Amino acid sequence: MTGALADRVAVVTGGASGIGAATVERFVAEGASVVIADLDGDRAHALAERLGERTTAVRVDVSVEDDVAMMIDEAVHRFGRLDVLFNNAGFGGALGPISETSVADFDLTFDVLVKSVYLGVKHAAPLLMDQGGGSIINTGSVAAHRGGWSPHLYAAAKAAVVHLTRSVALELGSAGVRCNAISPGFVATPLAYGRPDADTEQLAAMRDAAATDQPLGRVGEPDDLAAAALFLASDESVWITGQELVVDGGISAGPPWSTFPEAFRVTRPIRHHRPPGR
């Protein structure tokens, strides 16, 4: 087997759709065997059936420790080891004003977005450390750094994921285990649309509506994030840990140049007078 991940074993949570599914396909194409973990077990099994014998599917609620432990065990049972964990599963979380957000919705949001990452790292780290190396990748968000791009609790949870990534990297580094985060910007997935059953036409309309807000002139696609995950999973990033790779088409840097005031965009001679003697 050849490829950047030849003979390696990965677990991808939220692996049945969107960024997760694109990453599973990219990992398999690069030689990896992959456990596809998803709450939608039917969709996960359908993807595994399509991709063949180097994949297996498990239904996992990433907020439940027994499920996460089973997921990691499945990698070892089916493929003999674990080299990469991509903690990617997520959802939009609680919506609405903070004064109307229930404690139950708060708990569910942080369970799915933060506790799941903690659980994945907790159960994968001992295996990776014993092997003397491996890569853990967690999904953050540009919303971790700027208000107004997501619901309140989603932003707070993703900030927690990014900082947990940095902190854990310091513990695991001495054993050769790397831990990094990928923070997407606006990516054309059903999650971004707000409906898990969003169809092709709805996603296309979303792409068109959001493209003008992006410095690179288009929204992100799942394959853009899969490429970043491949980089962090492979030996190409062997000396990178505790970092956040922002993959957002430049939107966190600022608005597109075309939206700047005309005075900034039109070249004019600079007229000034030098003081005498200068």
C-alpha atoms as a PDB file:
ATOM      1  CA  MET A   1       0.000   0.000   0.000  1.00  0.00           C
ATOM      2  CA  THR A   2       1.290   3.449  -0.919  1.00  0.00           C
ATOM      3  CA  GLY A   3       0.239   6.964   0.047  1.00  0.00           C
ATOM      4  CA  ALA A   4       0.847   9.478   2.802  1.00  0.00           C
ATOM      5  CA  LEU A   5      -0.993   7.280   5.311  1.00  0.00           C
ATOM      6  CA  ALA A   6       0.029   3.862   4.034  1.00  0.00           C
ATOM      7  CA  ASP A   7      -0.592   1.094   6.574  1.00  0.00           C
ATOM      8  CA  ARG A   8      -1.911   3.496   9.201  1.00  0.00           C
ATOM      9  CA  VAL A   9      -5.172   3.281  11.088  1.00  0.00           C
ATOM     10  CA  ALA A  10      -7.453   6.244  11.735  1.00  0.00           C
ATOM     11  CA  VAL A  11     -10.701   6.907  13.547  1.00  0.00           C
ATOM     12  CA  VAL A  12     -12.882   9.745  12.242  1.00  0.00           C
ATOM     13  CA  THR A  13     -15.876  10.866  14.296  1.00  0.00           C
ATOM     14  CA  GLY A  14     -18.753  12.452  12.448  1.00  0.00           C
ATOM     15  CA  GLY A  15     -17.312  10.429   9.600  1.00  0.00           C
ATOM     16  CA  ALA A  16     -20.508   9.706   7.686  1.00  0.00           C
ATOM     17  CA  SER A  17     -21.109  13.145   6.164  1.00  0.00           C
ATOM     18  CA  GLY A  18     -19.637  16.562   5.426  1.00  0.00           C
ATOM     19  CA  ILE A  19     -16.029  17.181   6.466  1.00  0.00           C
ATOM     20  CA  GLY A  20     -15.842  13.801   8.152  1.00  0.00           C
ATOM     21  CA  ALA A  21     -16.880  11.809   5.090  1.00  0.00           C
ATOM     22  CA  ALA A  22     -14.534  13.781   2.837  1.00  0.00           C
ATOM     23  CA  THR A  23     -11.702  13.049   5.274  1.00  0.00           C
ATOM     24  CA  VAL A  24     -12.511   9.350   5.422  1.00  0.00           C
ATOM     25  CA  GLU A  25     -12.365   9.161   1.629  1.00  0.00           C
ATOM     26  CA  ARG A  26      -9.083  11.086   1.512  1.00  0.00           C
ATOM     27  CA  PHE A  27      -7.492   8.936   4.222  1.00  0.00           C
ATOM     28  CA  VAL A  28      -8.497   5.735   2.459  1.00  0.00           C
ATOM     29  CA  ALA A  29      -7.160   7.049  -0.854  1.00  0.00           C
ATOM     30  CA  GLU A  30      -3.845   7.724   0.914  1.00  0.00           C
ATOM     31  CA  GLY A  31      -3.557   4.156   2.172  1.00  0.00           C
ATOM     32  CA  ALA A  32      -5.163   4.268   5.628  1.00  0.00           C
ATOM     33  CA  SER A  33      -7.652   1.916   7.193  1.00  0.00           C
ATOM     34  CA  VAL A  34     -10.442   3.913   8.813  1.00  0.00           C
ATOM     35  CA  VAL A  35     -13.084   3.469  11.479  1.00  0.00           C
ATOM     36  CA  ILE A  36     -16.073   5.595  10.468  1.00  0.00           C
ATOM     37  CA  ALA A  37     -17.779   6.656  13.698  1.00  0.00           C
ATOM     38  CA  ASP A  38     -21.093   8.465  13.530  1.00  0.00           C
ATOM     39  CA  LEU A  39     -24.390   8.815  15.334  1.00  0.00           C
ATOM     40  CA  ASP A  40     -26.070   7.972  12.022  1.00  0.00           C
ATOM     41  CA  GLY A  41     -25.056   4.338  11.893  1.00  0.00           C
ATOM     42  CA  ASP A  42     -26.897   3.591   8.654  1.00  0.00           C
ATOM     43  CA  ARG A  43     -25.098   6.343   6.779  1.00  0.00           C
ATOM     44  CA  ALA A  44     -21.756   5.283   8.259  1.00  0.00           C
ATOM     45  CA  HIS A  45     -22.295   1.666   7.190  1.00  0.00           C
ATOM     46  CA  ALA A  46     -23.312   2.775   3.686  1.00  0.00           C
ATOM     47  CA  LEU A  47     -20.073   4.746   3.325  1.00  0.00           C
ATOM     48  CA  ALA A  48     -18.011   1.825   4.619  1.00  0.00           C
ATOM     49  CA  GLU A  49     -19.699  -0.518   2.169  1.00  0.00           C
ATOM     50  CA  ARG A  50     -18.883   1.816  -0.692  1.00  0.00           C
ATOM     51  CA  LEU A  51     -15.241   2.309   0.309  1.00  0.00           C
ATOM     52  CA  GLY A  52     -14.486  -1.342   0.940  1.00  0.00           C
ATOM     53  CA  GLU A  53     -12.601  -3.587   3.311  1.00  0.00           C
ATOM     54  CA  ARG A  54     -10.201  -0.974   4.661  1.00  0.00           C
ATOM     55  CA  THR A  55     -13.094   0.737   6.431  1.00  0.00           C
ATOM     56  CA  THR A  56     -15.499  -0.261   9.146  1.00  0.00           C
ATOM     57  CA  ALA A  57     -18.448   1.621  10.612  1.00  0.00           C
ATOM     58  CA  VAL A  58     -19.646   2.007  14.182  1.00  0.00           C
ATOM     59  CA  ARG A  59     -22.620   3.888  15.574  1.00  0.00           C
ATOM     60  CA  VAL A  60     -21.236   6.193  18.250  1.00  0.00           C
ATOM     61  CA  ASP A  61     -22.669   8.881  20.483  1.00  0.00           C
ATOM     62  CA  VAL A  62     -19.468  10.835  21.096  1.00  0.00           C
ATOM     63  CA  SER A  63     -20.835  12.293  24.330  1.00  0.00           C
ATOM     64  CA  VAL A  64     -21.025   8.805  25.904  1.00  0.00           C
ATOM     65  CA  GLU A  65     -17.776   7.407  27.285  1.00  0.00           C
ATOM     66  CA  ASP A  66     -18.627   3.751  26.688  1.00  0.00           C
ATOM     67  CA  ASP A  67     -19.314   4.498  23.022  1.00  0.00           C
ATOM     68  CA  VAL A  68     -16.031   6.359  22.596  1.00  0.00           C
ATOM     69  CA  ALA A  69     -14.065   3.588  24.321  1.00  0.00           C
ATOM     70  CA  MET A  70     -15.752   1.042  22.036  1.00  0.00           C
ATOM     71  CA  MET A  71     -14.830   3.123  18.992  1.00  0.00           C
ATOM     72  CA  ILE A  72     -11.143   3.113  19.899  1.00  0.00           C
ATOM     73  CA  ASP A  73     -11.268  -0.592  20.737  1.00  0.00           C
ATOM     74  CA  GLU A  74     -12.821  -1.276  17.322  1.00  0.00           C
ATOM     75  CA  ALA A  75      -9.804   0.228  15.588  1.00  0.00           C
ATOM     76  CA  VAL A  76      -7.449  -2.099  17.430  1.00  0.00           C
ATOM     77  CA  HIS A  77      -9.729  -5.120  17.107  1.00  0.00           C
ATOM     78  CA  ARG A  78     -10.341  -4.675  13.386  1.00  0.00           C
ATOM     79  CA  PHE A  79      -7.035  -3.221  12.171  1.00  0.00           C
ATOM     80  CA  GLY A  80      -4.526  -3.993  14.926  1.00  0.00           C
ATOM     81  CA  ARG A  81      -3.508  -0.484  16.006  1.00  0.00           C
ATOM     82  CA  LEU A  82      -4.389   3.209  16.058  1.00  0.00           C
ATOM     83  CA  ASP A  83      -2.335   6.017  14.522  1.00  0.00           C
ATOM     84  CA  VAL A  84      -4.734   8.918  13.971  1.00  0.00           C
ATOM     85  CA  LEU A  85      -7.807  10.199  15.778  1.00  0.00           C
ATOM     86  CA  PHE A  86      -9.846  12.962  14.162  1.00  0.00           C
ATOM     87  CA  ASN A  87     -12.331  14.325  16.722  1.00  0.00           C
ATOM     88  CA  ASN A  88     -14.604  15.921  14.161  1.00  0.00           C
ATOM     89  CA  ALA A  89     -18.201  15.195  15.220  1.00  0.00           C
ATOM     90  CA  GLY A  90     -20.323  18.210  16.077  1.00  0.00           C
ATOM     91  CA  PHE A  91     -23.526  20.170  15.661  1.00  0.00           C
ATOM     92  CA  GLY A  92     -24.720  23.758  15.968  1.00  0.00           C
ATOM     93  CA  GLY A  93     -25.717  23.520  19.602  1.00  0.00           C
ATOM     94  CA  ALA A  94     -28.086  25.724  21.552  1.00  0.00           C
ATOM     95  CA  LEU A  95     -29.665  28.677  19.755  1.00  0.00           C
ATOM     96  CA  GLY A  96     -31.197  31.933  20.967  1.00  0.00           C
ATOM     97  CA  PRO A  97     -30.603  34.552  23.660  1.00  0.00           C
ATOM     98  CA  ILE A  98     -28.443  33.530  26.602  1.00  0.00           C
ATOM     99  CA  SER A  99     -31.262  34.397  29.020  1.00  0.00           C
ATOM    100  CA  GLU A 100     -33.477  31.818  27.329  1.00  0.00           C
ATOM    101  CA  THR A 101     -30.891  29.057  27.026  1.00  0.00           C
ATOM    102  CA  SER A 102     -31.695  26.122  29.270  1.00  0.00           C
ATOM    103  CA  VAL A 103     -29.151  24.286  31.366  1.00  0.00           C
ATOM    104  CA  ALA A 104     -30.106  21.105  29.513  1.00  0.00           C
ATOM    105  CA  ASP A 105     -29.236  22.716  26.167  1.00  0.00           C
ATOM    106  CA  PHE A 106     -25.990  24.054  27.616  1.00  0.00           C
ATOM    107  CA  ASP A 107     -25.046  20.591  28.846  1.00  0.00           C
ATOM    108  CA  LEU A 108     -25.903  18.922  25.532  1.00  0.00           C
ATOM    109  CA  THR A 109     -23.905  21.487  23.535  1.00  0.00           C
ATOM    110  CA  PHE A 110     -20.784  21.079  25.645  1.00  0.00           C
ATOM    111  CA  ASP A 111     -21.215  17.298  25.817  1.00  0.00           C
ATOM    112  CA  VAL A 112     -21.191  16.965  22.029  1.00  0.00           C
ATOM    113  CA  LEU A 113     -18.623  19.647  21.228  1.00  0.00           C
ATOM    114  CA  VAL A 114     -16.179  19.536  24.173  1.00  0.00           C
ATOM    115  CA  LYS A 115     -16.669  16.414  26.263  1.00  0.00           C
ATOM    116  CA  SER A 116     -16.472  14.341  23.103  1.00  0.00           C
ATOM    117  CA  VAL A 117     -13.003  15.686  22.367  1.00  0.00           C
ATOM    118  CA  TYR A 118     -11.878  15.051  25.938  1.00  0.00           C
ATOM    119  CA  LEU A 119     -13.198  11.486  25.751  1.00  0.00           C
ATOM    120  CA  GLY A 120     -11.558  10.801  22.412  1.00  0.00           C
ATOM    121  CA  VAL A 121      -8.190  12.056  23.608  1.00  0.00           C
ATOM    122  CA  LYS A 122      -8.538  10.232  26.926  1.00  0.00           C
ATOM    123  CA  HIS A 123      -9.039   6.853  25.284  1.00  0.00           C
ATOM    124  CA  ALA A 124      -6.708   7.279  22.300  1.00  0.00           C
ATOM    125  CA  ALA A 125      -3.725   8.814  24.102  1.00  0.00           C
ATOM    126  CA  PRO A 126      -2.579   5.699  26.006  1.00  0.00           C
ATOM    127  CA  LEU A 127      -2.463   3.644  22.788  1.00  0.00           C
ATOM    128  CA  LEU A 128      -0.597   6.308  20.871  1.00  0.00           C
ATOM    129  CA  MET A 129       1.859   6.898  23.700  1.00  0.00           C
ATOM    130  CA  ASP A 130       2.593   3.193  24.012  1.00  0.00           C
ATOM    131  CA  GLN A 131       3.288   3.056  20.275  1.00  0.00           C
ATOM    132  CA  GLY A 132       5.636   6.031  20.569  1.00  0.00           C
ATOM    133  CA  GLY A 133       3.722   8.342  18.262  1.00  0.00           C
ATOM    134  CA  GLY A 134       0.547   9.328  16.505  1.00  0.00           C
ATOM    135  CA  SER A 135      -1.630  12.286  15.622  1.00  0.00           C
ATOM    136  CA  ILE A 136      -4.752  13.650  17.299  1.00  0.00           C
ATOM    137  CA  ILE A 137      -6.723  16.247  15.361  1.00  0.00           C
ATOM    138  CA  ASN A 138      -9.600  18.200  16.879  1.00  0.00           C
ATOM    139  CA  THR A 139     -12.102  20.359  15.013  1.00  0.00           C
ATOM    140  CA  GLY A 140     -12.271  23.932  16.277  1.00  0.00           C
ATOM    141  CA  SER A 141     -13.794  26.893  14.449  1.00  0.00           C
ATOM    142  CA  VAL A 142     -13.051  30.482  13.511  1.00  0.00           C
ATOM    143  CA  ALA A 143     -16.014  31.208  15.797  1.00  0.00           C
ATOM    144  CA  ALA A 144     -13.646  30.487  18.695  1.00  0.00           C
ATOM    145  CA  HIS A 145     -11.943  33.819  18.022  1.00  0.00           C
ATOM    146  CA  ARG A 146     -14.687  36.253  17.050  1.00  0.00           C
ATOM    147  CA  GLY A 147     -18.213  36.850  18.236  1.00  0.00           C
ATOM    148  CA  GLY A 148     -21.131  36.999  15.842  1.00  0.00           C
ATOM    149  CA  TRP A 149     -20.174  34.040  13.675  1.00  0.00           C
ATOM    150  CA  SER A 150     -22.089  31.375  15.583  1.00  0.00           C
ATOM    151  CA  PRO A 151     -24.477  30.812  18.487  1.00  0.00           C
ATOM    152  CA  HIS A 152     -23.033  31.738  21.893  1.00  0.00           C
ATOM    153  CA  LEU A 153     -22.379  28.264  23.190  1.00  0.00           C
ATOM    154  CA  TYR A 154     -20.923  26.954  19.937  1.00  0.00           C
ATOM    155  CA  ALA A 155     -18.348  29.749  20.025  1.00  0.00           C
ATOM    156  CA  ALA A 156     -17.486  29.092  23.663  1.00  0.00           C
ATOM    157  CA  ALA A 157     -17.254  25.339  23.123  1.00  0.00           C
ATOM    158  CA  LYS A 158     -14.947  25.665  20.131  1.00  0.00           C
ATOM    159  CA  ALA A 159     -12.703  28.043  22.069  1.00  0.00           C
ATOM    160  CA  ALA A 160     -12.473  25.354  24.730  1.00  0.00           C
ATOM    161  CA  VAL A 161     -11.542  22.752  22.111  1.00  0.00           C
ATOM    162  CA  VAL A 162      -8.740  24.914  20.727  1.00  0.00           C
ATOM    163  CA  HIS A 163      -7.248  25.559  24.147  1.00  0.00           C
ATOM    164  CA  LEU A 164      -7.646  21.938  25.273  1.00  0.00           C
ATOM    165  CA  THR A 165      -5.719  20.971  22.151  1.00  0.00           C
ATOM    166  CA  ARG A 166      -2.806  23.221  23.089  1.00  0.00           C
ATOM    167  CA  SER A 167      -2.720  22.031  26.675  1.00  0.00           C
ATOM    168  CA  VAL A 168      -2.915  18.318  25.853  1.00  0.00           C
ATOM    169  CA  ALA A 169      -0.167  18.678  23.249  1.00  0.00           C
ATOM    170  CA  LEU A 170       2.257  19.634  26.026  1.00  0.00           C
ATOM    171  CA  GLU A 171       1.536  16.441  27.954  1.00  0.00           C
ATOM    172  CA  LEU A 172       1.667  14.060  25.002  1.00  0.00           C
ATOM    173  CA  GLY A 173       4.599  15.588  23.149  1.00  0.00           C
ATOM    174  CA  SER A 174       7.297  13.783  25.128  1.00  0.00           C
ATOM    175  CA  ALA A 175       5.838  10.476  23.910  1.00  0.00           C
ATOM    176  CA  GLY A 176       5.901  11.598  20.284  1.00  0.00           C
ATOM    177  CA  VAL A 177       2.156  12.136  20.068  1.00  0.00           C
ATOM    178  CA  ARG A 178       1.027  15.287  18.289  1.00  0.00           C
ATOM    179  CA  CYS A 179      -2.222  17.118  19.022  1.00  0.00           C
ATOM    180  CA  ASN A 180      -3.471  19.899  16.749  1.00  0.00           C
ATOM    181  CA  ALA A 181      -6.721  21.593  15.815  1.00  0.00           C
ATOM    182  CA  ILE A 182      -8.280  22.520  12.489  1.00  0.00           C
ATOM    183  CA  SER A 183     -10.548  25.561  12.610  1.00  0.00           C
ATOM    184  CA  PRO A 184     -12.814  25.825   9.566  1.00  0.00           C
ATOM    185  CA  GLY A 185     -14.473  28.959   8.329  1.00  0.00           C
ATOM    186  CA  PHE A 186     -17.701  28.802   6.335  1.00  0.00           C
ATOM    187  CA  VAL A 187     -17.879  25.341   4.738  1.00  0.00           C
ATOM    188  CA  ALA A 188     -20.694  24.124   2.479  1.00  0.00           C
ATOM    189  CA  THR A 189     -22.081  21.318   4.624  1.00  0.00           C
ATOM    190  CA  PRO A 190     -25.550  20.504   5.970  1.00  0.00           C
ATOM    191  CA  LEU A 191     -24.304  21.673   9.391  1.00  0.00           C
ATOM    192  CA  ALA A 192     -23.567  25.127   8.002  1.00  0.00           C
ATOM    193  CA  TYR A 193     -26.987  25.194   6.341  1.00  0.00           C
ATOM    194  CA  GLY A 194     -28.596  24.306   9.642  1.00  0.00           C
ATOM    195  CA  ARG A 195     -30.374  21.185   8.417  1.00  0.00           C
ATOM    196  CA  PRO A 196     -28.825  17.700   8.328  1.00  0.00           C
ATOM    197  CA  ASP A 197     -31.044  16.819   5.369  1.00  0.00           C
ATOM    198  CA  ALA A 198     -30.065  19.853   3.248  1.00  0.00           C
ATOM    199  CA  ASP A 199     -30.078  18.833  -0.408  1.00  0.00           C
ATOM    200  CA  THR A 200     -27.744  19.705  -3.284  1.00  0.00           C
ATOM    201  CA  GLU A 201     -29.870  22.641  -4.444  1.00  0.00           C
ATOM    202  CA  GLN A 202     -29.996  24.175  -0.973  1.00  0.00           C
ATOM    203  CA  LEU A 203     -26.235  23.845  -0.538  1.00  0.00           C
ATOM    204  CA  ALA A 204     -25.673  25.421  -3.955  1.00  0.00           C
ATOM    205  CA  ALA A 205     -27.822  28.408  -3.000  1.00  0.00           C
ATOM    206  CA  MET A 206     -25.859  28.754   0.237  1.00  0.00           C
ATOM    207  CA  ARG A 207     -22.580  28.723  -1.690  1.00  0.00           C
ATOM    208  CA  ASP A 208     -23.767  31.487  -3.992  1.00  0.00           C
ATOM    209  CA  ALA A 209     -25.099  33.646  -1.159  1.00  0.00           C
ATOM    210  CA  ALA A 210     -21.941  33.423   0.947  1.00  0.00           C
ATOM    211  CA  ALA A 211     -19.291  33.563  -1.777  1.00  0.00           C
ATOM    212  CA  THR A 212     -19.065  37.349  -1.892  1.00  0.00           C
ATOM    213  CA  ASP A 213     -18.127  37.472   1.799  1.00  0.00           C
ATOM    214  CA  GLN A 214     -15.012  35.339   1.243  1.00  0.00           C
ATOM    215  CA  PRO A 215     -11.607  36.835   0.361  1.00  0.00           C
ATOM    216  CA  LEU A 216     -10.918  33.875  -1.948  1.00  0.00           C
ATOM    217  CA  GLY A 217     -14.280  34.308  -3.651  1.00  0.00           C
ATOM    218  CA  ARG A 218     -15.880  31.028  -2.621  1.00  0.00           C
ATOM    219  CA  VAL A 219     -16.968  29.177   0.485  1.00  0.00           C
ATOM    220  CA  GLY A 220     -15.045  26.203   1.782  1.00  0.00           C
ATOM    221  CA  GLU A 221     -15.734  22.667   0.672  1.00  0.00           C
ATOM    222  CA  PRO A 222     -15.335  19.494   2.739  1.00  0.00           C
ATOM    223  CA  ASP A 223     -12.357  18.500   0.578  1.00  0.00           C
ATOM    224  CA  ASP A 224     -10.533  21.670   1.670  1.00  0.00           C
ATOM    225  CA  LEU A 225     -10.712  20.511   5.273  1.00  0.00           C
ATOM    226  CA  ALA A 226      -9.898  16.916   4.378  1.00  0.00           C
ATOM    227  CA  ALA A 227      -6.642  18.142   2.837  1.00  0.00           C
ATOM    228  CA  ALA A 228      -5.771  19.935   6.076  1.00  0.00           C
ATOM    229  CA  ALA A 229      -6.594  16.823   8.105  1.00  0.00           C
ATOM    230  CA  LEU A 230      -4.386  14.725   5.834  1.00  0.00           C
ATOM    231  CA  PHE A 231      -1.489  17.130   6.389  1.00  0.00           C
ATOM    232  CA  LEU A 232      -1.836  16.954  10.180  1.00  0.00           C
ATOM    233  CA  ALA A 233      -2.283  13.170  10.121  1.00  0.00           C
ATOM    234  CA  SER A 234       0.773  12.539   7.974  1.00  0.00           C
ATOM    235  CA  ASP A 235       4.512  12.809   8.517  1.00  0.00           C
ATOM    236  CA  GLU A 236       4.470  16.079   6.571  1.00  0.00           C
ATOM    237  CA  SER A 237       3.541  17.720   9.894  1.00  0.00           C
ATOM    238  CA  VAL A 238       5.823  15.609  12.074  1.00  0.00           C
ATOM    239  CA  TRP A 239       7.252  18.648  13.918  1.00  0.00           C
ATOM    240  CA  ILE A 240       3.945  20.448  14.459  1.00  0.00           C
ATOM    241  CA  THR A 241       1.968  20.142  17.679  1.00  0.00           C
ATOM    242  CA  GLY A 242      -0.173  22.327  19.899  1.00  0.00           C
ATOM    243  CA  GLN A 243      -1.205  24.402  16.912  1.00  0.00           C
ATOM    244  CA  GLU A 244      -4.446  25.581  15.357  1.00  0.00           C
ATOM    245  CA  LEU A 245      -4.579  25.420  11.570  1.00  0.00           C
ATOM    246  CA  VAL A 246      -7.199  27.937  10.439  1.00  0.00           C
ATOM    247  CA  VAL A 247      -8.727  26.868   7.119  1.00  0.00           C
ATOM    248  CA  ASP A 248     -11.171  29.639   6.291  1.00  0.00           C
ATOM    249  CA  GLY A 249     -10.400  31.112   2.883  1.00  0.00           C
ATOM    250  CA  GLY A 250      -9.009  34.189   4.629  1.00  0.00           C
ATOM    251  CA  ILE A 251     -12.243  35.381   6.207  1.00  0.00           C
ATOM    252  CA  SER A 252     -10.764  35.737   9.684  1.00  0.00           C
ATOM    253  CA  ALA A 253      -8.126  38.074   8.248  1.00  0.00           C
ATOM    254  CA  GLY A 254     -10.811  40.510   7.166  1.00  0.00           C
ATOM    255  CA  PRO A 255     -13.370  41.263   4.453  1.00  0.00           C
ATOM    256  CA  PRO A 256     -12.725  40.929   0.703  1.00  0.00           C
ATOM    257  CA  TRP A 257     -10.682  43.733  -0.862  1.00  0.00           C
ATOM    258  CA  SER A 258     -13.643  44.643  -3.069  1.00  0.00           C
ATOM    259  CA  THR A 259     -15.597  45.760   0.000  1.00  0.00           C
ATOM    260  CA  PHE A 260     -12.925  48.219   1.178  1.00  0.00           C
ATOM    261  CA  PRO A 261     -13.678  51.944   0.784  1.00  0.00           C
ATOM    262  CA  GLU A 262     -12.711  53.213  -2.648  1.00  0.00           C
ATOM    263  CA  ALA A 263     -10.140  55.540  -1.116  1.00  0.00           C
ATOM    264  CA  PHE A 264      -8.166  52.478   0.000  1.00  0.00           C
ATOM    265  CA  ARG A 265      -8.336  50.744  -3.374  1.00  0.00           C
ATOM    266  CA  VAL A 266      -7.535  53.528  -5.828  1.00  0.00           C
ATOM    267  CA  THR A 267      -3.897  54.433  -6.340  1.00  0.00           C
ATOM    268  CA  ARG A 268      -3.205  58.156  -6.093  1.00  0.00           C
ATOM    269  CA  PRO A 269       0.032  60.164  -5.908  1.00  0.00           C
ATOM    270  CA  ILE A 270       1.041  61.000  -2.357  1.00  0.00           C
ATOM    271  CA  ARG A 271       1.309  64.764  -1.983  1.00  0.00           C
ATOM    272  CA  HIS A 272       3.071  66.152   1.007  1.00  0.00           C
ATOM    273  CA  HIS A 273       5.472  68.907   1.854  1.00  0.00           C
ATOM    274  CA  ARG A 274       8.736  68.208   3.562  1.00  0.00           C
ATOM    275  CA  PRO A 275       9.714  70.557   6.350  1.00  0.00           C
ATOM    276  CA  PRO A 276      12.570  72.920   5.491  1.00  0.00           C
ATOM    277  CA  GLY A 277      15.948  71.324   5.838  1.00  0.00           C
ATOM    278  CA  ARG A 278      14.691  67.781   5.294  1.00  0.00           C
END
